[in-house]
N, C-alpha and C. Protein backbone atom coordinates (compact mmCIF):
# COMPACT_ATOMS: atom_id res chain seq x y z
N MET A 1 -109.56 -198.79 -152.23
CA MET A 1 -108.34 -198.07 -151.91
C MET A 1 -107.88 -197.35 -153.17
N SER A 2 -107.53 -196.11 -153.01
CA SER A 2 -107.11 -195.32 -154.17
C SER A 2 -105.67 -195.66 -154.56
N LYS A 3 -105.35 -195.36 -155.81
CA LYS A 3 -104.00 -195.59 -156.30
C LYS A 3 -102.99 -194.80 -155.47
N GLU A 4 -103.35 -193.59 -155.08
CA GLU A 4 -102.45 -192.76 -154.28
C GLU A 4 -102.12 -193.44 -152.95
N ARG A 5 -103.10 -194.11 -152.38
CA ARG A 5 -102.85 -194.80 -151.10
C ARG A 5 -101.91 -195.99 -151.31
N ILE A 6 -102.07 -196.69 -152.42
CA ILE A 6 -101.17 -197.80 -152.74
C ILE A 6 -99.76 -197.28 -152.95
N VAL A 7 -99.63 -196.18 -153.70
CA VAL A 7 -98.32 -195.56 -153.94
C VAL A 7 -97.67 -195.19 -152.62
N LYS A 8 -98.42 -194.56 -151.76
CA LYS A 8 -97.89 -194.15 -150.45
C LYS A 8 -97.47 -195.36 -149.62
N ALA A 9 -98.29 -196.41 -149.66
CA ALA A 9 -97.96 -197.63 -148.90
C ALA A 9 -96.67 -198.26 -149.41
N LEU A 10 -96.52 -198.35 -150.73
CA LEU A 10 -95.29 -198.93 -151.30
C LEU A 10 -94.07 -198.08 -150.94
N GLU A 11 -94.22 -196.78 -151.00
CA GLU A 11 -93.10 -195.90 -150.66
C GLU A 11 -92.75 -196.03 -149.18
N GLN A 12 -93.75 -196.21 -148.32
CA GLN A 12 -93.49 -196.42 -146.90
C GLN A 12 -92.80 -197.75 -146.65
N LEU A 13 -92.99 -198.69 -147.56
CA LEU A 13 -92.33 -199.99 -147.45
C LEU A 13 -90.91 -199.94 -148.00
N GLY A 14 -90.50 -198.78 -148.52
CA GLY A 14 -89.13 -198.63 -148.99
C GLY A 14 -88.96 -198.60 -150.49
N PHE A 15 -90.05 -198.65 -151.24
CA PHE A 15 -89.96 -198.56 -152.69
C PHE A 15 -89.59 -197.13 -153.08
N SER A 16 -88.71 -196.99 -154.06
CA SER A 16 -88.44 -195.66 -154.61
C SER A 16 -89.62 -195.28 -155.50
N LYS A 17 -89.65 -194.04 -155.94
CA LYS A 17 -90.73 -193.59 -156.83
C LYS A 17 -90.74 -194.43 -158.11
N THR A 18 -89.56 -194.67 -158.67
CA THR A 18 -89.47 -195.47 -159.89
C THR A 18 -89.88 -196.91 -159.64
N ASP A 19 -89.42 -197.49 -158.53
CA ASP A 19 -89.82 -198.87 -158.18
C ASP A 19 -91.34 -198.98 -158.09
N THR A 20 -91.95 -197.99 -157.48
CA THR A 20 -93.40 -197.98 -157.33
C THR A 20 -94.08 -197.93 -158.69
N GLN A 21 -93.61 -197.04 -159.57
CA GLN A 21 -94.19 -196.92 -160.91
C GLN A 21 -94.06 -198.24 -161.67
N VAL A 22 -92.87 -198.83 -161.63
CA VAL A 22 -92.61 -200.06 -162.36
C VAL A 22 -93.45 -201.20 -161.81
N TYR A 23 -93.48 -201.35 -160.48
CA TYR A 23 -94.26 -202.43 -159.88
C TYR A 23 -95.74 -202.30 -160.24
N ILE A 24 -96.31 -201.12 -160.07
CA ILE A 24 -97.74 -200.93 -160.36
C ILE A 24 -98.02 -201.20 -161.84
N PHE A 25 -97.13 -200.74 -162.72
CA PHE A 25 -97.32 -201.00 -164.14
C PHE A 25 -97.37 -202.51 -164.41
N LEU A 26 -96.41 -203.24 -163.87
CA LEU A 26 -96.37 -204.68 -164.09
C LEU A 26 -97.57 -205.39 -163.46
N ALA A 27 -97.96 -204.95 -162.27
CA ALA A 27 -99.09 -205.57 -161.59
C ALA A 27 -100.39 -205.37 -162.37
N LYS A 28 -100.53 -204.20 -162.96
CA LYS A 28 -101.75 -203.89 -163.71
C LYS A 28 -101.75 -204.48 -165.12
N ASN A 29 -100.58 -204.54 -165.75
CA ASN A 29 -100.51 -204.86 -167.17
C ASN A 29 -99.90 -206.22 -167.49
N GLY A 30 -99.46 -206.94 -166.48
CA GLY A 30 -98.88 -208.25 -166.71
C GLY A 30 -97.43 -208.16 -167.17
N PRO A 31 -96.86 -209.30 -167.56
CA PRO A 31 -95.44 -209.37 -167.94
C PRO A 31 -95.11 -208.45 -169.12
N HIS A 32 -93.98 -207.77 -169.00
CA HIS A 32 -93.49 -206.88 -170.06
C HIS A 32 -91.98 -206.91 -170.12
N GLU A 33 -91.46 -206.55 -171.27
CA GLU A 33 -90.03 -206.41 -171.47
C GLU A 33 -89.58 -205.04 -170.98
N LEU A 34 -88.28 -204.94 -170.72
CA LEU A 34 -87.68 -203.71 -170.23
C LEU A 34 -88.05 -202.50 -171.09
N ARG A 35 -87.81 -202.59 -172.37
CA ARG A 35 -88.03 -201.41 -173.22
C ARG A 35 -89.50 -201.00 -173.27
N ASP A 36 -90.41 -201.99 -173.17
CA ASP A 36 -91.85 -201.66 -173.16
C ASP A 36 -92.24 -200.94 -171.88
N ILE A 37 -91.65 -201.36 -170.77
CA ILE A 37 -91.93 -200.71 -169.48
C ILE A 37 -91.42 -199.28 -169.52
N ALA A 38 -90.18 -199.12 -169.98
CA ALA A 38 -89.59 -197.77 -170.06
C ALA A 38 -90.42 -196.86 -170.96
N SER A 39 -90.84 -197.39 -172.09
CA SER A 39 -91.63 -196.59 -173.03
C SER A 39 -92.98 -196.21 -172.42
N ALA A 40 -93.66 -197.16 -171.82
CA ALA A 40 -94.97 -196.90 -171.24
C ALA A 40 -94.91 -195.89 -170.10
N LEU A 41 -93.82 -195.90 -169.35
CA LEU A 41 -93.68 -195.00 -168.20
C LEU A 41 -92.91 -193.72 -168.54
N SER A 42 -92.46 -193.62 -169.80
CA SER A 42 -91.66 -192.46 -170.24
C SER A 42 -90.43 -192.27 -169.36
N LEU A 43 -89.71 -193.38 -169.12
CA LEU A 43 -88.50 -193.35 -168.32
C LEU A 43 -87.34 -193.89 -169.15
N PHE A 44 -86.12 -193.49 -168.79
CA PHE A 44 -84.94 -194.02 -169.46
C PHE A 44 -84.80 -195.50 -169.12
N GLU A 45 -84.37 -196.29 -170.11
CA GLU A 45 -84.19 -197.73 -169.89
C GLU A 45 -83.21 -198.01 -168.76
N ARG A 46 -82.17 -197.21 -168.64
CA ARG A 46 -81.16 -197.41 -167.59
C ARG A 46 -81.81 -197.31 -166.20
N LYS A 47 -82.70 -196.33 -166.05
CA LYS A 47 -83.38 -196.13 -164.77
C LYS A 47 -84.33 -197.29 -164.47
N VAL A 48 -85.04 -197.75 -165.49
CA VAL A 48 -85.95 -198.87 -165.33
C VAL A 48 -85.17 -200.15 -165.05
N ARG A 49 -84.05 -200.34 -165.74
CA ARG A 49 -83.22 -201.53 -165.51
C ARG A 49 -82.76 -201.59 -164.05
N ARG A 50 -82.33 -200.45 -163.53
CA ARG A 50 -81.88 -200.39 -162.12
C ARG A 50 -83.05 -200.73 -161.18
N SER A 51 -84.21 -200.19 -161.48
CA SER A 51 -85.38 -200.46 -160.66
C SER A 51 -85.77 -201.93 -160.72
N LEU A 52 -85.76 -202.50 -161.92
CA LEU A 52 -86.09 -203.93 -162.07
C LEU A 52 -85.10 -204.80 -161.31
N ARG A 53 -83.83 -204.43 -161.36
CA ARG A 53 -82.82 -205.18 -160.61
C ARG A 53 -83.10 -205.11 -159.10
N ASP A 54 -83.41 -203.90 -158.63
CA ASP A 54 -83.70 -203.73 -157.20
C ASP A 54 -84.95 -204.50 -156.79
N LEU A 55 -85.98 -204.41 -157.60
CA LEU A 55 -87.23 -205.12 -157.30
C LEU A 55 -87.02 -206.64 -157.32
N GLN A 56 -86.20 -207.11 -158.25
CA GLN A 56 -85.91 -208.54 -158.32
C GLN A 56 -85.11 -208.99 -157.10
N THR A 57 -84.12 -208.19 -156.69
CA THR A 57 -83.32 -208.50 -155.51
C THR A 57 -84.21 -208.60 -154.27
N GLN A 58 -85.19 -207.72 -154.20
CA GLN A 58 -86.10 -207.71 -153.06
C GLN A 58 -87.24 -208.73 -153.20
N LYS A 59 -87.22 -209.48 -154.29
CA LYS A 59 -88.23 -210.52 -154.57
C LYS A 59 -89.62 -209.95 -154.77
N MET A 60 -89.70 -208.74 -155.34
CA MET A 60 -90.98 -208.10 -155.62
C MET A 60 -91.45 -208.40 -157.04
N ILE A 61 -90.52 -208.82 -157.88
CA ILE A 61 -90.85 -209.23 -159.23
C ILE A 61 -90.06 -210.50 -159.56
N ARG A 62 -90.51 -211.18 -160.60
CA ARG A 62 -89.80 -212.34 -161.12
C ARG A 62 -89.45 -212.05 -162.57
N VAL A 63 -88.51 -212.82 -163.10
CA VAL A 63 -88.10 -212.68 -164.48
C VAL A 63 -88.39 -213.98 -165.20
N SER A 64 -88.97 -213.87 -166.38
CA SER A 64 -89.25 -215.07 -167.17
C SER A 64 -87.96 -215.69 -167.66
N ILE A 65 -88.03 -216.94 -168.05
CA ILE A 65 -86.84 -217.60 -168.60
C ILE A 65 -86.83 -217.50 -170.13
N GLU A 66 -87.84 -216.86 -170.68
CA GLU A 66 -87.94 -216.72 -172.13
C GLU A 66 -87.01 -215.61 -172.61
N ASN A 67 -86.77 -215.63 -173.92
CA ASN A 67 -85.97 -214.58 -174.53
C ASN A 67 -86.84 -213.88 -175.55
N PRO A 68 -87.06 -212.58 -175.48
CA PRO A 68 -86.48 -211.64 -174.52
C PRO A 68 -87.11 -211.78 -173.13
N LEU A 69 -86.36 -211.34 -172.15
CA LEU A 69 -86.81 -211.44 -170.77
C LEU A 69 -88.06 -210.59 -170.55
N GLU A 70 -88.98 -211.15 -169.79
CA GLU A 70 -90.15 -210.40 -169.36
C GLU A 70 -90.15 -210.36 -167.84
N PHE A 71 -90.63 -209.26 -167.30
CA PHE A 71 -90.66 -209.06 -165.86
C PHE A 71 -92.09 -209.18 -165.38
N ILE A 72 -92.27 -209.84 -164.24
CA ILE A 72 -93.58 -210.19 -163.73
C ILE A 72 -93.68 -209.75 -162.27
N ALA A 73 -94.70 -208.98 -161.94
CA ALA A 73 -94.90 -208.54 -160.55
C ALA A 73 -95.47 -209.69 -159.73
N ILE A 74 -94.97 -209.84 -158.51
CA ILE A 74 -95.60 -210.80 -157.61
C ILE A 74 -96.87 -210.14 -157.08
N PRO A 75 -97.84 -210.92 -156.63
CA PRO A 75 -99.09 -210.33 -156.14
C PRO A 75 -98.85 -209.38 -154.97
N PHE A 76 -99.62 -208.32 -154.93
CA PHE A 76 -99.49 -207.29 -153.89
C PHE A 76 -99.64 -207.89 -152.50
N GLU A 77 -100.53 -208.85 -152.37
CA GLU A 77 -100.73 -209.50 -151.06
C GLU A 77 -99.44 -210.14 -150.56
N GLU A 78 -98.69 -210.75 -151.48
CA GLU A 78 -97.41 -211.37 -151.10
C GLU A 78 -96.41 -210.31 -150.64
N ILE A 79 -96.43 -209.14 -151.26
CA ILE A 79 -95.54 -208.06 -150.84
C ILE A 79 -95.88 -207.62 -149.42
N ILE A 80 -97.16 -207.46 -149.16
CA ILE A 80 -97.57 -207.06 -147.81
C ILE A 80 -97.14 -208.11 -146.80
N ASN A 81 -97.38 -209.37 -147.11
CA ASN A 81 -96.98 -210.46 -146.20
C ASN A 81 -95.47 -210.49 -145.98
N LEU A 82 -94.71 -210.28 -147.05
CA LEU A 82 -93.26 -210.27 -146.95
C LEU A 82 -92.78 -209.14 -146.02
N PHE A 83 -93.34 -207.95 -146.20
CA PHE A 83 -92.93 -206.84 -145.35
C PHE A 83 -93.37 -207.02 -143.91
N ILE A 84 -94.52 -207.66 -143.69
CA ILE A 84 -94.94 -207.96 -142.31
C ILE A 84 -93.91 -208.87 -141.65
N GLU A 85 -93.46 -209.89 -142.38
CA GLU A 85 -92.45 -210.81 -141.84
C GLU A 85 -91.13 -210.08 -141.56
N ILE A 86 -90.72 -209.20 -142.46
CA ILE A 86 -89.49 -208.44 -142.26
C ILE A 86 -89.60 -207.59 -141.00
N LYS A 87 -90.73 -206.92 -140.83
CA LYS A 87 -90.92 -206.07 -139.64
C LYS A 87 -90.92 -206.93 -138.36
N LYS A 88 -91.54 -208.10 -138.43
CA LYS A 88 -91.54 -208.99 -137.27
C LYS A 88 -90.12 -209.42 -136.91
N GLU A 89 -89.32 -209.76 -137.92
CA GLU A 89 -87.94 -210.18 -137.68
C GLU A 89 -87.12 -209.04 -137.08
N LYS A 90 -87.33 -207.82 -137.58
CA LYS A 90 -86.61 -206.67 -137.03
C LYS A 90 -87.01 -206.41 -135.59
N ALA A 91 -88.30 -206.53 -135.30
CA ALA A 91 -88.77 -206.34 -133.92
C ALA A 91 -88.20 -207.41 -133.00
N LYS A 92 -88.14 -208.65 -133.49
CA LYS A 92 -87.58 -209.74 -132.69
C LYS A 92 -86.10 -209.49 -132.41
N ALA A 93 -85.37 -209.05 -133.44
CA ALA A 93 -83.94 -208.75 -133.26
C ALA A 93 -83.75 -207.62 -132.25
N MET A 94 -84.60 -206.61 -132.32
CA MET A 94 -84.51 -205.50 -131.38
C MET A 94 -84.81 -205.99 -129.97
N GLN A 95 -85.82 -206.82 -129.82
CA GLN A 95 -86.16 -207.38 -128.51
C GLN A 95 -85.00 -208.18 -127.95
N GLU A 96 -84.36 -208.98 -128.80
CA GLU A 96 -83.25 -209.82 -128.36
C GLU A 96 -82.02 -209.00 -127.95
N SER A 97 -81.85 -207.84 -128.54
CA SER A 97 -80.69 -207.01 -128.21
C SER A 97 -81.04 -205.88 -127.24
N LYS A 98 -82.26 -205.87 -126.75
CA LYS A 98 -82.75 -204.81 -125.88
C LYS A 98 -81.86 -204.59 -124.65
N GLU A 99 -81.57 -205.65 -123.91
CA GLU A 99 -80.79 -205.51 -122.68
C GLU A 99 -79.38 -204.99 -122.96
N GLU A 100 -78.77 -205.50 -124.01
CA GLU A 100 -77.43 -205.02 -124.37
C GLU A 100 -77.46 -203.54 -124.75
N LEU A 101 -78.46 -203.15 -125.53
CA LEU A 101 -78.58 -201.74 -125.93
C LEU A 101 -78.81 -200.85 -124.70
N LEU A 102 -79.70 -201.28 -123.81
CA LEU A 102 -79.97 -200.49 -122.61
C LEU A 102 -78.74 -200.38 -121.72
N SER A 103 -77.99 -201.46 -121.59
CA SER A 103 -76.77 -201.44 -120.80
C SER A 103 -75.76 -200.46 -121.39
N THR A 104 -75.60 -200.52 -122.69
CA THR A 104 -74.68 -199.59 -123.37
C THR A 104 -75.15 -198.15 -123.18
N TRP A 105 -76.44 -197.94 -123.32
CA TRP A 105 -77.00 -196.59 -123.16
C TRP A 105 -76.75 -196.07 -121.74
N ARG A 106 -76.99 -196.91 -120.76
CA ARG A 106 -76.78 -196.50 -119.36
C ARG A 106 -75.32 -196.12 -119.10
N SER A 107 -74.39 -196.90 -119.68
CA SER A 107 -72.98 -196.59 -119.47
C SER A 107 -72.60 -195.28 -120.16
N ILE A 108 -73.18 -194.99 -121.30
CA ILE A 108 -72.91 -193.72 -121.99
C ILE A 108 -73.43 -192.56 -121.17
N VAL A 109 -74.66 -192.69 -120.69
CA VAL A 109 -75.28 -191.61 -119.90
C VAL A 109 -74.50 -191.41 -118.61
N LYS A 110 -74.10 -192.50 -117.95
CA LYS A 110 -73.36 -192.42 -116.71
C LYS A 110 -72.03 -191.71 -116.92
N LYS A 111 -71.31 -192.03 -118.01
CA LYS A 111 -70.03 -191.38 -118.32
C LYS A 111 -70.23 -189.89 -118.56
N ASP A 112 -71.29 -189.54 -119.29
CA ASP A 112 -71.55 -188.15 -119.59
C ASP A 112 -71.86 -187.36 -118.31
N ARG A 113 -72.60 -187.96 -117.41
CA ARG A 113 -72.94 -187.29 -116.15
C ARG A 113 -71.72 -187.13 -115.25
N SER A 114 -70.86 -188.14 -115.25
CA SER A 114 -69.70 -188.08 -114.36
C SER A 114 -68.65 -187.12 -114.90
N SER A 115 -68.66 -186.86 -116.19
CA SER A 115 -67.66 -185.93 -116.75
C SER A 115 -68.10 -184.48 -116.63
N ASN A 116 -69.34 -184.24 -116.24
CA ASN A 116 -69.83 -182.87 -116.08
C ASN A 116 -69.56 -182.31 -114.72
């Protein structure tokens, strides 16, 4: 699989361009500090910090307990599995609310037809 395909897959999973760059860098190069990541990617530290925070919130990276902090990418396979589970949960929620949504839709359509 080409790097471009991985980039596209991560972006389809909701990663921003910066998140994708940071994640791939960490996955390929192992744990790194914020300033080293920013320097290697030629990005502002503020932008990388925001991306690291977002990736950590989404559980795509971990942070070491050492000082200075190092950021560690979780394995790509775990990311794929996590997103599969998220999609399954969203599909289940949609299935569970299907009848209510259809009922609401029918009442909207019925009102629109009767007002014409």
